[in-house]
C-alpha atoms as a PDB file:
ATOM      1  CA  MET A   1      13.621 -19.137  14.581  1.00  0.00           C
ATOM      2  CA  ARG A   2      11.020 -20.625  12.174  1.00  0.00           C
ATOM      3  CA  GLY A   3      13.271 -21.900   9.409  1.00  0.00           C
ATOM      4  CA  MET A   4      13.645 -20.431   5.992  1.00  0.00           C
ATOM      5  CA  HIS A   5      11.336 -17.504   5.261  1.00  0.00           C
ATOM      6  CA  THR A   6       9.990 -16.687   1.812  1.00  0.00           C
ATOM      7  CA  ARG A   7       8.237 -13.783   0.097  1.00  0.00           C
ATOM      8  CA  VAL A   8       4.954 -15.470   0.605  1.00  0.00           C
ATOM      9  CA  SER A   9       5.501 -16.209   4.308  1.00  0.00           C
ATOM     10  CA  LEU A  10       6.811 -12.754   4.998  1.00  0.00           C
ATOM     11  CA  ALA A  11       3.771 -11.199   3.249  1.00  0.00           C
ATOM     12  CA  ALA A  12       1.486 -13.346   5.423  1.00  0.00           C
ATOM     13  CA  ASP A  13       3.387 -12.160   8.499  1.00  0.00           C
ATOM     14  CA  LEU A  14       3.006  -8.519   7.467  1.00  0.00           C
ATOM     15  CA  LYS A  15      -0.749  -9.031   6.918  1.00  0.00           C
ATOM     16  CA  ALA A  16      -1.028 -10.724  10.356  1.00  0.00           C
ATOM     17  CA  LEU A  17       0.754  -7.752  11.842  1.00  0.00           C
ATOM     18  CA  GLY A  18      -1.851  -5.497  10.361  1.00  0.00           C
ATOM     19  CA  VAL A  19      -0.367  -4.083   7.160  1.00  0.00           C
ATOM     20  CA  GLU A  20      -3.129  -3.321   4.736  1.00  0.00           C
ATOM     21  CA  ILE A  21      -3.644  -2.773   1.027  1.00  0.00           C
ATOM     22  CA  GLY A  22      -3.191   0.909   0.277  1.00  0.00           C
ATOM     23  CA  ASP A  23      -0.969   1.687   3.244  1.00  0.00           C
ATOM     24  CA  VAL A  24       1.806   4.356   2.994  1.00  0.00           C
ATOM     25  CA  LEU A  25       4.471   2.415   4.876  1.00  0.00           C
ATOM     26  CA  PHE A  26       7.605   4.019   6.211  1.00  0.00           C
ATOM     27  CA  VAL A  27       9.921   1.092   6.932  1.00  0.00           C
ATOM     28  CA  HIS A  28      12.778   1.060   9.456  1.00  0.00           C
ATOM     29  CA  SER A  29      14.630  -2.236   9.317  1.00  0.00           C
ATOM     30  CA  SER A  30      17.304  -4.608  10.378  1.00  0.00           C
ATOM     31  CA  PHE A  31      17.636  -7.106   7.537  1.00  0.00           C
ATOM     32  CA  LYS A  32      19.605  -9.574   9.753  1.00  0.00           C
ATOM     33  CA  SER A  33      16.829  -9.631  12.346  1.00  0.00           C
ATOM     34  CA  LEU A  34      14.456 -11.297   9.793  1.00  0.00           C
ATOM     35  CA  GLY A  35      16.486 -14.453   9.878  1.00  0.00           C
ATOM     36  CA  PRO A  36      17.165 -16.615   6.804  1.00  0.00           C
ATOM     37  CA  VAL A  37      15.160 -15.426   3.720  1.00  0.00           C
ATOM     38  CA  GLU A  38      14.972 -17.314   0.503  1.00  0.00           C
ATOM     39  CA  CYS A  39      16.099 -14.943  -2.285  1.00  0.00           C
ATOM     40  CA  GLY A  40      17.200 -12.430   0.375  1.00  0.00           C
ATOM     41  CA  ALA A  41      16.330  -8.722   0.257  1.00  0.00           C
ATOM     42  CA  ALA A  42      14.409  -9.116  -3.010  1.00  0.00           C
ATOM     43  CA  ALA A  43      11.940 -11.416  -1.270  1.00  0.00           C
ATOM     44  CA  VAL A  44      11.529  -8.901   1.557  1.00  0.00           C
ATOM     45  CA  ILE A  45      10.806  -6.022  -0.858  1.00  0.00           C
ATOM     46  CA  GLY A  46       8.427  -8.339  -2.764  1.00  0.00           C
ATOM     47  CA  ALA A  47       6.621  -9.165   0.501  1.00  0.00           C
ATOM     48  CA  LEU A  48       6.219  -5.488   1.338  1.00  0.00           C
ATOM     49  CA  GLU A  49       4.858  -4.732  -2.145  1.00  0.00           C
ATOM     50  CA  ALA A  50       2.368  -7.614  -1.891  1.00  0.00           C
ATOM     51  CA  ALA A  51       1.262  -6.455   1.598  1.00  0.00           C
ATOM     52  CA  VAL A  52       0.439  -2.885   0.460  1.00  0.00           C
ATOM     53  CA  GLY A  53      -0.694  -3.769  -3.068  1.00  0.00           C
ATOM     54  CA  SER A  54      -0.609  -1.702  -6.168  1.00  0.00           C
ATOM     55  CA  ASP A  55      -2.357   1.183  -4.401  1.00  0.00           C
ATOM     56  CA  GLY A  56       0.167   1.273  -1.627  1.00  0.00           C
ATOM     57  CA  LEU A  57       3.491   3.058  -1.218  1.00  0.00           C
ATOM     58  CA  ILE A  58       6.687   1.950   0.501  1.00  0.00           C
ATOM     59  CA  LEU A  59       9.098   4.539   1.938  1.00  0.00           C
ATOM     60  CA  MET A  60      12.535   3.904   3.395  1.00  0.00           C
ATOM     61  CA  PRO A  61      15.209   6.198   4.823  1.00  0.00           C
ATOM     62  CA  SER A  62      18.092   6.473   2.456  1.00  0.00           C
ATOM     63  CA  PHE A  63      20.111   8.874   4.598  1.00  0.00           C
ATOM     64  CA  ASN A  64      23.600  10.216   3.732  1.00  0.00           C
ATOM     65  CA  LEU A  65      25.146  10.138   7.249  1.00  0.00           C
ATOM     66  CA  LEU A  66      28.773  10.909   6.467  1.00  0.00           C
ATOM     67  CA  LYS A  67      30.689  12.148   9.525  1.00  0.00           C
ATOM     68  CA  GLY A  68      32.088  15.604   9.565  1.00  0.00           C
ATOM     69  CA  GLY A  69      28.986  17.814   9.577  1.00  0.00           C
ATOM     70  CA  LEU A  70      26.379  19.029   7.184  1.00  0.00           C
ATOM     71  CA  ALA A  71      28.826  20.709   4.857  1.00  0.00           C
ATOM     72  CA  VAL A  72      30.642  17.487   4.354  1.00  0.00           C
ATOM     73  CA  ARG A  73      27.406  15.645   3.593  1.00  0.00           C
ATOM     74  CA  ALA A  74      26.274  18.372   1.215  1.00  0.00           C
ATOM     75  CA  ALA A  75      29.557  18.453  -0.672  1.00  0.00           C
ATOM     76  CA  ALA A  76      29.448  14.635  -1.220  1.00  0.00           C
ATOM     77  CA  TRP A  77      25.827  14.380  -2.062  1.00  0.00           C
ATOM     78  CA  ASN A  78      24.629  12.799  -5.304  1.00  0.00           C
ATOM     79  CA  ARG A  79      21.026  11.654  -5.412  1.00  0.00           C
ATOM     80  CA  GLU A  80      21.807   8.930  -7.937  1.00  0.00           C
ATOM     81  CA  THR A  81      24.986   7.480  -6.413  1.00  0.00           C
ATOM     82  CA  SER A  82      25.268   8.415  -2.746  1.00  0.00           C
ATOM     83  CA  PRO A  83      24.614   5.136  -0.885  1.00  0.00           C
ATOM     84  CA  SER A  84      22.022   4.813   1.796  1.00  0.00           C
ATOM     85  CA  MET A  85      23.720   4.576   5.220  1.00  0.00           C
ATOM     86  CA  THR A  86      20.625   3.294   7.127  1.00  0.00           C
ATOM     87  CA  GLY A  87      21.094  -0.450   6.649  1.00  0.00           C
ATOM     88  CA  TYR A  88      21.447  -3.104   3.991  1.00  0.00           C
ATOM     89  CA  LEU A  89      17.752  -3.391   3.058  1.00  0.00           C
ATOM     90  CA  THR A  90      17.488   0.363   2.448  1.00  0.00           C
ATOM     91  CA  GLU A  91      20.417   0.416   0.056  1.00  0.00           C
ATOM     92  CA  PHE A  92      19.082  -2.594  -1.833  1.00  0.00           C
ATOM     93  CA  PHE A  93      15.633  -0.815  -2.012  1.00  0.00           C
ATOM     94  CA  ARG A  94      17.289   2.432  -3.236  1.00  0.00           C
ATOM     95  CA  THR A  95      19.031   0.735  -6.111  1.00  0.00           C
ATOM     96  CA  LEU A  96      16.061  -1.207  -7.432  1.00  0.00           C
ATOM     97  CA  PRO A  97      14.860  -0.103 -10.855  1.00  0.00           C
ATOM     98  CA  GLY A  98      11.734   1.903 -10.388  1.00  0.00           C
ATOM     99  CA  THR A  99      12.647   3.243  -6.908  1.00  0.00           C
ATOM    100  CA  VAL A 100      12.775   7.026  -6.672  1.00  0.00           C
ATOM    101  CA  ARG A 101      14.594   9.183  -4.126  1.00  0.00           C
ATOM    102  CA  SER A 102      14.131  12.616  -2.658  1.00  0.00           C
ATOM    103  CA  ASP A 103      16.834  15.187  -3.273  1.00  0.00           C
ATOM    104  CA  HIS A 104      18.154  15.953   0.201  1.00  0.00           C
ATOM    105  CA  PHE A 105      21.781  15.805   1.057  1.00  0.00           C
ATOM    106  CA  SER A 106      21.266  14.322   4.532  1.00  0.00           C
ATOM    107  CA  HIS A 107      17.823  12.853   5.063  1.00  0.00           C
ATOM    108  CA  SER A 108      16.691  11.647   1.693  1.00  0.00           C
ATOM    109  CA  VAL A 109      13.769   9.238   1.421  1.00  0.00           C
ATOM    110  CA  ALA A 110      13.456   6.431  -1.084  1.00  0.00           C
ATOM    111  CA  ALA A 111      10.010   5.457  -2.384  1.00  0.00           C
ATOM    112  CA  ARG A 112       8.367   2.798  -4.436  1.00  0.00           C
ATOM    113  CA  GLY A 113       4.747   2.341  -5.347  1.00  0.00           C
ATOM    114  CA  ARG A 114       1.688   4.449  -6.259  1.00  0.00           C
ATOM    115  CA  GLY A 115       2.593   8.156  -6.563  1.00  0.00           C
ATOM    116  CA  ALA A 116       6.160   7.563  -5.388  1.00  0.00           C
ATOM    117  CA  ALA A 117       7.749  10.315  -7.531  1.00  0.00           C
ATOM    118  CA  GLU A 118       5.294  12.946  -6.425  1.00  0.00           C
ATOM    119  CA  PHE A 119       5.525  11.915  -2.849  1.00  0.00           C
ATOM    120  CA  VAL A 120       9.278  12.545  -2.595  1.00  0.00           C
ATOM    121  CA  ALA A 121       9.417  15.577  -4.939  1.00  0.00           C
ATOM    122  CA  GLY A 122      10.059  18.923  -3.538  1.00  0.00           C
ATOM    123  CA  HIS A 123      12.248  17.929  -0.529  1.00  0.00           C
ATOM    124  CA  ARG A 124      14.315  21.060  -1.184  1.00  0.00           C
ATOM    125  CA  GLY A 125      11.251  23.176  -0.551  1.00  0.00           C
ATOM    126  CA  ALA A 126      12.048  26.339   1.515  1.00  0.00           C
ATOM    127  CA  THR A 127       8.695  26.686   3.329  1.00  0.00           C
ATOM    128  CA  GLY A 128       7.800  25.143   6.635  1.00  0.00           C
ATOM    129  CA  MET A 129       9.490  24.281   9.926  1.00  0.00           C
ATOM    130  CA  ARG A 130      13.135  24.910  10.633  1.00  0.00           C
ATOM    131  CA  SER A 131      15.371  21.996  11.670  1.00  0.00           C
ATOM    132  CA  PRO A 132      19.042  21.405  12.523  1.00  0.00           C
ATOM    133  CA  TRP A 133      19.433  19.700   9.120  1.00  0.00           C
ATOM    134  CA  ASP A 134      18.585  22.690   7.038  1.00  0.00           C
ATOM    135  CA  PHE A 135      21.426  23.847   4.715  1.00  0.00           C
ATOM    136  CA  PRO A 136      21.710  26.495   2.021  1.00  0.00           C
ATOM    137  CA  GLY A 137      20.177  25.278  -1.272  1.00  0.00           C
ATOM    138  CA  TYR A 138      18.344  22.429   0.425  1.00  0.00           C
ATOM    139  CA  GLY A 139      15.418  24.223   2.076  1.00  0.00           C
ATOM    140  CA  CYS A 140      13.623  22.755   5.085  1.00  0.00           C
ATOM    141  CA  ASN A 141      14.386  19.080   5.809  1.00  0.00           C
ATOM    142  CA  PHE A 142      11.054  18.687   7.618  1.00  0.00           C
ATOM    143  CA  GLY A 143       9.301  21.412   5.638  1.00  0.00           C
ATOM    144  CA  ASP A 144       5.928  21.496   4.050  1.00  0.00           C
ATOM    145  CA  GLU A 145       7.005  19.532   0.943  1.00  0.00           C
ATOM    146  CA  SER A 146       9.138  16.936   2.732  1.00  0.00           C
ATOM    147  CA  PRO A 147       8.186  13.265   2.548  1.00  0.00           C
ATOM    148  CA  PHE A 148       8.149  13.284   6.371  1.00  0.00           C
ATOM    149  CA  LEU A 149       5.297  15.841   6.517  1.00  0.00           C
ATOM    150  CA  ARG A 150       3.521  14.163   3.661  1.00  0.00           C
ATOM    151  CA  ALA A 151       3.631  10.854   5.489  1.00  0.00           C
ATOM    152  CA  TYR A 152       2.530  12.515   8.719  1.00  0.00           C
ATOM    153  CA  HIS A 153      -0.463  14.068   7.007  1.00  0.00           C
ATOM    154  CA  HIS A 154      -1.415  10.997   4.916  1.00  0.00           C
ATOM    155  CA  PRO A 155      -4.439   9.233   6.477  1.00  0.00           C
ATOM    156  CA  ARG A 156      -2.783   5.846   5.697  1.00  0.00           C
ATOM    157  CA  GLY A 157       0.691   6.840   6.788  1.00  0.00           C
ATOM    158  CA  ARG A 158       2.140   4.161   9.074  1.00  0.00           C
ATOM    159  CA  VAL A 159       5.581   3.194  10.526  1.00  0.00           C
ATOM    160  CA  LEU A 160       6.770  -0.439  10.211  1.00  0.00           C
ATOM    161  CA  MET A 161       9.738  -1.301  12.442  1.00  0.00           C
ATOM    162  CA  LEU A 162      11.377  -4.571  11.518  1.00  0.00           C
ATOM    163  CA  GLY A 163      13.685  -5.755  14.315  1.00  0.00           C
ATOM    164  CA  VAL A 164      14.731  -2.205  15.372  1.00  0.00           C
ATOM    165  CA  THR A 165      14.207  -0.047  18.365  1.00  0.00           C
ATOM    166  CA  TYR A 166      12.791   3.465  18.582  1.00  0.00           C
ATOM    167  CA  GLU A 167      16.357   4.709  18.304  1.00  0.00           C
ATOM    168  CA  SER A 168      15.910   4.174  14.543  1.00  0.00           C
ATOM    169  CA  SER A 169      12.623   6.185  14.321  1.00  0.00           C
ATOM    170  CA  THR A 170      13.093   9.334  12.299  1.00  0.00           C
ATOM    171  CA  PHE A 171       9.672  10.521  13.341  1.00  0.00           C
ATOM    172  CA  CYS A 172      11.074  11.106  16.811  1.00  0.00           C
ATOM    173  CA  HIS A 173      12.987  13.901  15.093  1.00  0.00           C
ATOM    174  CA  LEU A 174       9.667  15.262  13.780  1.00  0.00           C
ATOM    175  CA  VAL A 175       8.471  15.426  17.348  1.00  0.00           C
ATOM    176  CA  GLU A 176      11.609  17.480  18.222  1.00  0.00           C
ATOM    177  CA  VAL A 177      11.149  19.792  15.234  1.00  0.00           C
ATOM    178  CA  MET A 178       7.537  20.451  15.909  1.00  0.00           C
ATOM    179  CA  TYR A 179       8.132  21.217  19.506  1.00  0.00           C
ATOM    180  CA  TRP A 180      11.054  23.501  18.688  1.00  0.00           C
ATOM    181  CA  ASN A 181       9.121  25.455  16.039  1.00  0.00           C
ATOM    182  CA  GLU A 182       6.216  25.940  18.483  1.00  0.00           C
ATOM    183  CA  ARG A 183       8.737  27.421  21.012  1.00  0.00           C
ATOM    184  CA  LEU A 184      10.424  29.594  18.413  1.00  0.00           C
ATOM    185  CA  ARG A 185       7.189  31.458  17.796  1.00  0.00           C
ATOM    186  CA  GLU A 186       7.306  32.665  21.411  1.00  0.00           C
ATOM    187  CA  ARG A 187      11.023  32.721  21.928  1.00  0.00           C
ATOM    188  CA  PRO A 188      13.037  33.085  18.696  1.00  0.00           C
ATOM    189  CA  GLU A 189      16.359  32.300  20.365  1.00  0.00           C
ATOM    190  CA  ASP A 190      15.283  29.006  21.953  1.00  0.00           C
ATOM    191  CA  LYS A 191      17.690  26.131  21.462  1.00  0.00           C
ATOM    192  CA  TYR A 192      16.751  22.860  19.868  1.00  0.00           C
ATOM    193  CA  LEU A 193      15.803  20.244  22.422  1.00  0.00           C
ATOM    194  CA  TRP A 194      17.225  16.749  21.592  1.00  0.00           C
ATOM    195  CA  LEU A 195      14.949  13.982  22.906  1.00  0.00           C
ATOM    196  CA  ASP A 196      15.693  10.607  24.335  1.00  0.00           C
ATOM    197  CA  ARG A 197      14.199   8.126  21.767  1.00  0.00           C
ATOM    198  CA  ASP A 198      14.137   5.250  24.256  1.00  0.00           C
ATOM    199  CA  LYS A 199      12.052   7.300  26.689  1.00  0.00           C
ATOM    200  CA  LEU A 200       9.775   8.372  23.880  1.00  0.00           C
ATOM    201  CA  GLY A 201       9.410   4.787  22.795  1.00  0.00           C
ATOM    202  CA  GLU A 202       8.541   3.696  26.395  1.00  0.00           C
ATOM    203  CA  HIS A 203       5.838   6.338  26.555  1.00  0.00           C
ATOM    204  CA  TRP A 204       4.452   5.256  23.229  1.00  0.00           C
ATOM    205  CA  GLU A 205       4.432   1.625  24.191  1.00  0.00           C
ATOM    206  CA  GLU A 206       2.440   2.472  27.310  1.00  0.00           C
ATOM    207  CA  HIS A 207       0.011   5.012  25.848  1.00  0.00           C
ATOM    208  CA  GLY A 208      -0.165   4.420  22.049  1.00  0.00           C
ATOM    209  CA  HIS A 209      -1.999   2.130  19.798  1.00  0.00           C
ATOM    210  CA  LEU A 210       0.407  -0.191  18.040  1.00  0.00           C
ATOM    211  CA  CYS A 211       0.465  -3.704  16.707  1.00  0.00           C
ATOM    212  CA  ARG A 212       3.411  -5.958  17.626  1.00  0.00           C
ATOM    213  CA  GLY A 213       4.356  -9.345  16.267  1.00  0.00           C
ATOM    214  CA  ARG A 214       6.893 -11.348  14.246  1.00  0.00           C
ATOM    215  CA  VAL A 215       7.811 -10.764  10.667  1.00  0.00           C
ATOM    216  CA  GLY A 216      10.164 -13.588   9.895  1.00  0.00           C
ATOM    217  CA  ASP A 217      12.303 -13.715  13.049  1.00  0.00           C
ATOM    218  CA  ALA A 218      12.106  -9.975  13.618  1.00  0.00           C
ATOM    219  CA  ASP A 219      10.217  -8.468  16.578  1.00  0.00           C
ATOM    220  CA  SER A 220       8.202  -5.905  14.696  1.00  0.00           C
ATOM    221  CA  ARG A 221       5.879  -2.984  15.350  1.00  0.00           C
ATOM    222  CA  LEU A 222       3.296  -1.202  13.212  1.00  0.00           C
ATOM    223  CA  PHE A 223       1.573   2.088  14.053  1.00  0.00           C
ATOM    224  CA  GLY A 224       0.075   5.231  12.638  1.00  0.00           C
ATOM    225  CA  ILE A 225       2.557   8.050  12.032  1.00  0.00           C
ATOM    226  CA  ARG A 226       0.236  10.918  12.984  1.00  0.00           C
ATOM    227  CA  GLU A 227      -0.925   9.349  16.173  1.00  0.00           C
ATOM    228  CA  PHE A 228       2.649   8.498  17.205  1.00  0.00           C
ATOM    229  CA  VAL A 229       3.917  12.007  16.570  1.00  0.00           C
ATOM    230  CA  ASP A 230       0.894  13.745  18.156  1.00  0.00           C
ATOM    231  CA  THR A 231       0.928  11.539  21.213  1.00  0.00           C
ATOM    232  CA  LEU A 232       4.589  12.081  21.904  1.00  0.00           C
ATOM    233  CA  LEU A 233       4.430  15.822  21.167  1.00  0.00           C
ATOM    234  CA  GLY A 234       1.651  16.193  23.660  1.00  0.00           C
ATOM    235  CA  ALA A 235       3.757  14.426  26.309  1.00  0.00           C
ATOM    236  CA  VAL A 236       6.829  16.515  25.594  1.00  0.00           C
ATOM    237  CA  ARG A 237       4.850  19.718  25.873  1.00  0.00           C
ATOM    238  CA  VAL A 238       3.755  18.757  29.339  1.00  0.00           C
ATOM    239  CA  GLN A 239       7.101  17.302  30.562  1.00  0.00           C
ATOM    240  CA  PRO A 240       9.983  18.362  28.308  1.00  0.00           C
ATOM    241  CA  ASP A 241      12.671  17.578  30.931  1.00  0.00           C
ATOM    242  CA  ARG A 242      11.373  14.007  31.357  1.00  0.00           C
ATOM    243  CA  PHE A 243      12.234  13.321  27.687  1.00  0.00           C
ATOM    244  CA  ARG A 244      15.381  15.462  27.363  1.00  0.00           C
ATOM    245  CA  LYS A 245      18.369  13.562  25.958  1.00  0.00           C
ATOM    246  CA  GLN A 246      21.129  13.400  28.455  1.00  0.00           C
ATOM    247  CA  GLY A 247      23.721  16.104  27.735  1.00  0.00           C
ATOM    248  CA  SER A 248      21.406  18.243  25.566  1.00  0.00           C
END
């Protein structure tokens, strides 16, 4: 605990962690983990904006995780009003004037910064990899036009984890989806393999390149999206049973 944090001190923490001007930053967060913040969530968003600058882009999950299955989520979905169910900071971010949101009933992404609207457009695109979250009328959740694939392919795409574990990392799902679609090309009836995110995280911590430090009071991690996904996908290809989620 370092006392009251501010927009300026949090921006300095982000810079010390390695966030750079022009980054495309996909943020997973626990607001409480940051500790006391003067001006609350607004200061956190301000710090993120200061850290990536006017040329950067901030992305956050704004998922609609209603229980009851995909049909329930799709029936209730409204891009403008459905709340983000991935934490307080993401809902605050979603509702800020100027934030835009992808139109996906389950795994929508909110964006703010340079090229935000273009980055999250087309999430209903019907081309690309299949996933368990595909639903009639909504295309491919992890398809060619999804913000997840765009972040993966962007040379400045990075994940920022603020006080959360790898259980929160949506890009572990991208590893699953890529692995499944590779197998489908050889065996069209293959079942989806759910992976243990804690085991994936342990492998990444041992073999990946990441920066780790404090942002406010939060134990935080920063790393490249493409390297993260490619490293874990390579490991899963070699030892799929090692990473299999129990019961899957």
